Protein backbone atom coordinates (compact mmCIF):
# COMPACT_ATOMS: atom_id res chain seq x y z
CA MET A 1 31.29 -13.86 29.84
CA ILE A 2 30.22 -10.57 31.44
CA LYS A 3 32.55 -8.74 29.09
CA GLU A 4 30.80 -10.26 26.06
CA VAL A 5 27.35 -9.39 27.41
CA ILE A 6 28.39 -5.78 27.98
CA GLY A 7 29.98 -5.68 24.52
CA VAL A 8 26.68 -6.73 22.94
CA SER A 9 24.29 -4.71 25.13
CA ALA A 10 26.18 -1.39 25.06
CA PRO A 11 25.49 -0.64 21.37
CA ALA A 12 21.86 -1.70 21.81
CA VAL A 13 21.42 0.74 24.71
CA LEU A 14 23.05 3.52 22.72
CA LEU A 15 20.86 2.91 19.66
CA ALA A 16 17.58 2.49 21.59
CA PRO A 17 16.67 6.23 21.63
CA ILE A 18 17.27 6.42 17.89
CA ALA A 19 15.44 3.20 17.00
CA VAL A 20 11.97 4.32 18.17
CA PRO A 21 11.74 7.44 15.95
CA ILE A 22 13.14 5.50 13.00
CA LEU A 23 10.56 2.76 13.51
CA HIS A 24 7.76 5.32 13.70
CA GLY A 25 9.05 7.02 10.59
CA LEU A 26 9.22 3.79 8.61
CA SER A 27 5.73 2.75 9.68
CA GLY A 28 4.42 6.20 8.76
CA ILE A 29 5.98 5.95 5.32
CA ALA A 30 4.41 2.50 4.90
CA VAL A 31 0.94 3.75 5.89
CA VAL A 32 1.14 6.79 3.60
CA GLY A 33 2.44 4.62 0.76
CA LEU A 34 -0.39 2.14 1.22
CA GLY A 35 -2.92 4.98 1.18
CA LEU A 36 -1.47 6.42 -2.02
CA PHE A 37 -1.45 2.97 -3.63
CA ALA A 38 -5.11 2.39 -2.72
CA ALA A 39 -6.14 5.85 -3.95
CA GLY A 40 -4.29 5.28 -7.22
CA LYS A 41 -6.05 1.95 -7.76
CA VAL A 42 -9.47 3.53 -7.15
CA VAL A 43 -8.75 6.39 -9.55
CA THR A 44 -7.43 4.03 -12.22
CA LYS A 45 -10.45 1.74 -12.03
CA THR A 46 -12.86 4.68 -12.05
CA VAL A 47 -11.23 6.20 -15.14
CA ARG A 48 -11.33 2.84 -16.94
CA VAL A 49 -15.03 2.40 -16.19
CA LEU A 50 -15.90 5.94 -17.27
CA ASN A 51 -13.88 5.70 -20.51
CA ALA A 52 -15.12 2.24 -21.51
CA PRO A 53 -17.35 2.16 -24.60
CA PRO A 54 -21.03 1.55 -23.85
CA LYS A 55 -22.23 -2.02 -24.12
CA ARG A 56 -24.67 -2.77 -26.91
CA ARG A 57 -27.93 -4.12 -25.60
CA ILE A 58 -30.10 -6.38 -27.72
CA PRO A 59 -33.79 -6.43 -26.80
CA VAL A 60 -35.10 -9.79 -25.62
CA ASP A 61 -38.14 -9.80 -27.94
CA ARG A 62 -36.01 -9.29 -31.08
CA PRO A 63 -33.35 -11.88 -31.94
CA PRO A 64 -30.01 -10.59 -33.23
CA ILE A 65 -29.62 -10.26 -36.99
CA ASP A 66 -27.23 -12.80 -38.45
């Protein structure tokens, strides 16, 4: 039983120093990706609003012509 525990824990101990930087790198990539996605959405919506044709307004006192 001890032999099996050592067989499982030895690779985990050897990979532990490598796992922390990899985890930080992956979370950093996720945060940067989320920021780029949000910025892209804001830019896209802003461009759509600015390029939309103006809405035609009908005065309240004059009914629309049929």
